[in-house]
């Protein structure tokens, strides 16, 4: 099966990155994360999350299981892999073009012992088109659509592996 392709996966930088105020409930959890791990900074996390968002969207469209395996939790990977396998079995290809990410905002944060979870709201402008075996569109459109997603990333603070893995993704 032909893999999907991603056009212009590296688009303009984020328009607005929103980090909660330190005095807010979410800001207080982020402060506790910074105390638990030297060097943790919410703004840097958000920049990395935006990069991961672009990489994961591109890898999913291309059917790049190796890339996804490194960026997703086991359960989340199984869901993404199942969708890729179904697309391949149907002879479909996914074409995704992230035009911009006008907003990326930390919405929630939770600390369970050393396990940190942070939920980010991404508002992105994308073109998504799925073509069938004959190359004709079966889903999506060749027009730009604003998509709002809530993605939750997880990482054990203090662990040698610096990777925050995607553990949940849903449309908002």
Protein backbone atom coordinates (compact mmCIF):
# COMPACT_ATOMS: atom_id res chain seq x y z
CA UNK A 1 0.00 0.00 0.00
CA UNK A 2 1.22 3.48 -0.74
CA UNK A 3 1.90 5.47 2.42
CA UNK A 4 0.16 8.76 2.99
CA UNK A 5 2.07 11.93 2.52
CA UNK A 6 2.38 15.09 4.50
CA UNK A 7 2.74 18.39 2.75
CA UNK A 8 4.42 21.25 4.54
CA UNK A 9 4.35 19.58 7.98
CA UNK A 10 6.55 22.34 9.33
CA UNK A 11 4.37 25.39 8.92
CA UNK A 12 4.41 28.78 10.60
CA UNK A 13 5.18 28.84 14.33
CA UNK A 14 2.41 28.84 16.88
CA UNK A 15 0.47 32.09 16.95
CA UNK A 16 -0.20 32.08 20.67
CA UNK A 17 1.14 29.78 23.41
CA UNK A 18 -0.87 30.03 26.59
CA UNK A 19 0.62 28.96 29.93
CA UNK A 20 -1.62 29.26 33.01
CA UNK A 21 -0.80 31.91 35.59
CA UNK A 22 1.37 30.49 38.42
CA UNK A 23 -1.32 31.30 41.01
CA UNK A 24 -4.03 29.36 39.14
CA UNK A 25 -4.77 25.76 40.15
CA UNK A 26 -3.14 24.44 36.96
CA UNK A 27 -0.22 26.84 37.39
CA UNK A 28 0.32 25.54 40.92
CA UNK A 29 0.54 21.95 39.63
CA UNK A 30 3.03 23.06 36.98
CA UNK A 31 5.08 24.74 39.73
CA UNK A 32 5.13 21.45 41.66
CA UNK A 33 6.36 19.72 38.51
CA UNK A 34 9.17 22.28 38.24
CA UNK A 35 10.10 21.57 41.87
CA UNK A 36 10.10 17.82 41.21
CA UNK A 37 12.32 18.14 38.14
CA UNK A 38 14.99 20.74 37.69
CA UNK A 39 14.76 22.41 34.35
CA UNK A 40 11.06 21.81 33.76
CA UNK A 41 9.52 24.97 32.37
CA UNK A 42 5.88 25.07 31.19
CA UNK A 43 6.71 27.32 28.24
CA UNK A 44 9.39 24.94 27.01
CA UNK A 45 7.04 21.99 27.53
CA UNK A 46 4.39 23.73 25.42
CA UNK A 47 6.90 24.39 22.61
CA UNK A 48 7.89 20.71 22.68
CA UNK A 49 4.23 19.63 22.73
CA UNK A 50 3.59 21.71 19.61
CA UNK A 51 6.52 20.00 17.87
CA UNK A 52 5.21 16.59 18.98
CA UNK A 53 1.74 17.50 17.68
CA UNK A 54 3.17 18.23 14.23
CA UNK A 55 5.29 15.06 14.26
CA UNK A 56 2.43 12.81 15.37
CA UNK A 57 -0.06 14.24 12.86
CA UNK A 58 2.55 13.80 10.09
CA UNK A 59 3.46 10.27 11.18
CA UNK A 60 -0.19 9.23 11.36
CA UNK A 61 -0.90 10.56 7.87
CA UNK A 62 2.19 8.82 6.49
CA UNK A 63 1.49 5.57 8.36
CA UNK A 64 4.89 5.89 10.08
CA UNK A 65 4.47 3.34 12.86
CA UNK A 66 8.11 3.62 14.00
CA UNK A 67 7.76 7.35 14.69
CA UNK A 68 4.40 6.87 16.41
CA UNK A 69 5.73 4.02 18.57
CA UNK A 70 8.28 6.40 20.08
CA UNK A 71 5.81 9.20 20.79
CA UNK A 72 2.68 7.38 22.02
CA UNK A 73 1.78 5.31 25.05
CA UNK A 74 1.08 1.63 24.35
CA UNK A 75 -2.70 2.04 24.47
CA UNK A 76 -2.72 5.18 22.33
CA UNK A 77 -0.38 3.53 19.84
CA UNK A 78 -2.77 0.57 19.47
CA UNK A 79 -5.58 2.97 18.55
CA UNK A 80 -3.49 4.86 16.00
CA UNK A 81 -2.04 1.65 14.55
CA UNK A 82 -5.54 0.17 14.18
CA UNK A 83 -6.70 3.22 12.25
CA UNK A 84 -3.63 3.06 9.98
CA UNK A 85 -4.15 -0.67 9.36
CA UNK A 86 -7.83 -0.09 8.49
CA UNK A 87 -6.86 2.70 6.10
CA UNK A 88 -4.24 0.48 4.45
CA UNK A 89 -6.65 -2.46 4.18
CA UNK A 90 -9.13 -0.19 2.40
CA UNK A 91 -6.39 0.99 0.02
CA UNK A 92 -6.71 4.54 1.27
CA UNK A 93 -4.05 7.21 1.69
CA UNK A 94 -4.16 10.17 4.05
CA UNK A 95 -2.94 13.58 2.95
CA UNK A 96 -2.48 16.15 5.72
CA UNK A 97 -1.18 19.68 5.54
CA UNK A 98 -0.88 21.63 8.80
CA UNK A 99 -1.11 25.24 7.68
CA UNK A 100 -0.84 26.87 11.11
CA UNK A 101 -1.39 26.40 14.82
CA UNK A 102 -2.97 29.68 15.92
CA UNK A 103 -3.26 28.53 19.55
CA UNK A 104 -1.63 26.02 21.88
CA UNK A 105 -2.72 26.24 25.51
CA UNK A 106 -2.05 24.19 28.63
CA UNK A 107 -5.54 23.33 29.88
CA UNK A 108 -4.91 20.83 32.69
CA UNK A 109 -2.03 19.44 34.69
CA UNK A 110 -1.90 16.58 37.16
CA UNK A 111 0.90 15.12 39.23
CA UNK A 112 0.49 11.52 40.49
CA UNK A 113 3.60 10.91 42.51
CA UNK A 114 6.36 11.43 39.92
CA UNK A 115 4.02 10.86 36.96
CA UNK A 116 3.14 14.16 35.28
CA UNK A 117 0.17 14.57 32.94
CA UNK A 118 -0.43 17.75 30.97
CA UNK A 119 -3.36 18.38 28.63
CA UNK A 120 -2.90 20.84 25.77
CA UNK A 121 -5.59 22.40 23.58
CA UNK A 122 -4.34 22.75 20.01
CA UNK A 123 -6.27 24.87 17.55
CA UNK A 124 -4.86 24.13 14.12
CA UNK A 125 -5.66 25.00 10.54
CA UNK A 126 -5.34 21.83 8.46
CA UNK A 127 -6.16 20.34 5.11
CA UNK A 128 -7.06 16.65 5.52
CA UNK A 129 -8.00 14.46 2.61
CA UNK A 130 -8.32 10.69 2.43
CA UNK A 131 -8.19 9.15 -1.04
CA UNK A 132 -9.43 5.69 -1.99
CA UNK A 133 -7.78 3.07 -4.19
CA UNK A 134 -8.66 4.97 -7.35
CA UNK A 135 -7.21 8.19 -5.96
CA UNK A 136 -10.62 9.78 -5.51
CA UNK A 137 -11.49 11.50 -2.24
CA UNK A 138 -13.44 9.38 0.25
CA UNK A 139 -13.21 11.67 3.29
CA UNK A 140 -12.14 15.17 4.17
CA UNK A 141 -11.81 18.11 1.84
CA UNK A 142 -9.20 19.99 -0.10
CA UNK A 143 -10.13 23.07 1.93
CA UNK A 144 -8.59 24.32 5.13
CA UNK A 145 -10.48 23.43 8.31
CA UNK A 146 -9.97 24.68 11.85
CA UNK A 147 -9.56 21.70 14.17
CA UNK A 148 -9.50 21.82 17.96
CA UNK A 149 -7.87 18.89 19.76
CA UNK A 150 -7.17 18.10 23.40
CA UNK A 151 -4.02 16.01 23.77
CA UNK A 152 -2.71 14.66 27.07
CA UNK A 153 1.00 13.98 27.43
CA UNK A 154 2.57 11.92 30.22
CA UNK A 155 6.08 11.56 31.58
CA UNK A 156 7.72 10.31 34.74
CA UNK A 157 9.57 13.28 36.17
CA UNK A 158 13.22 12.58 36.85
CA UNK A 159 13.34 9.69 34.37
CA UNK A 160 16.32 9.46 32.04
CA UNK A 161 14.04 9.46 28.97
CA UNK A 162 12.99 13.08 28.32
CA UNK A 163 10.11 12.09 26.00
CA UNK A 164 6.59 13.13 26.90
CA UNK A 165 4.29 10.48 25.37
CA UNK A 166 0.81 11.11 24.08
CA UNK A 167 -1.63 9.14 26.24
CA UNK A 168 -4.96 10.59 25.08
CA UNK A 169 -6.22 12.54 22.09
CA UNK A 170 -9.71 13.77 21.38
CA UNK A 171 -11.45 16.44 19.39
CA UNK A 172 -12.93 19.29 21.37
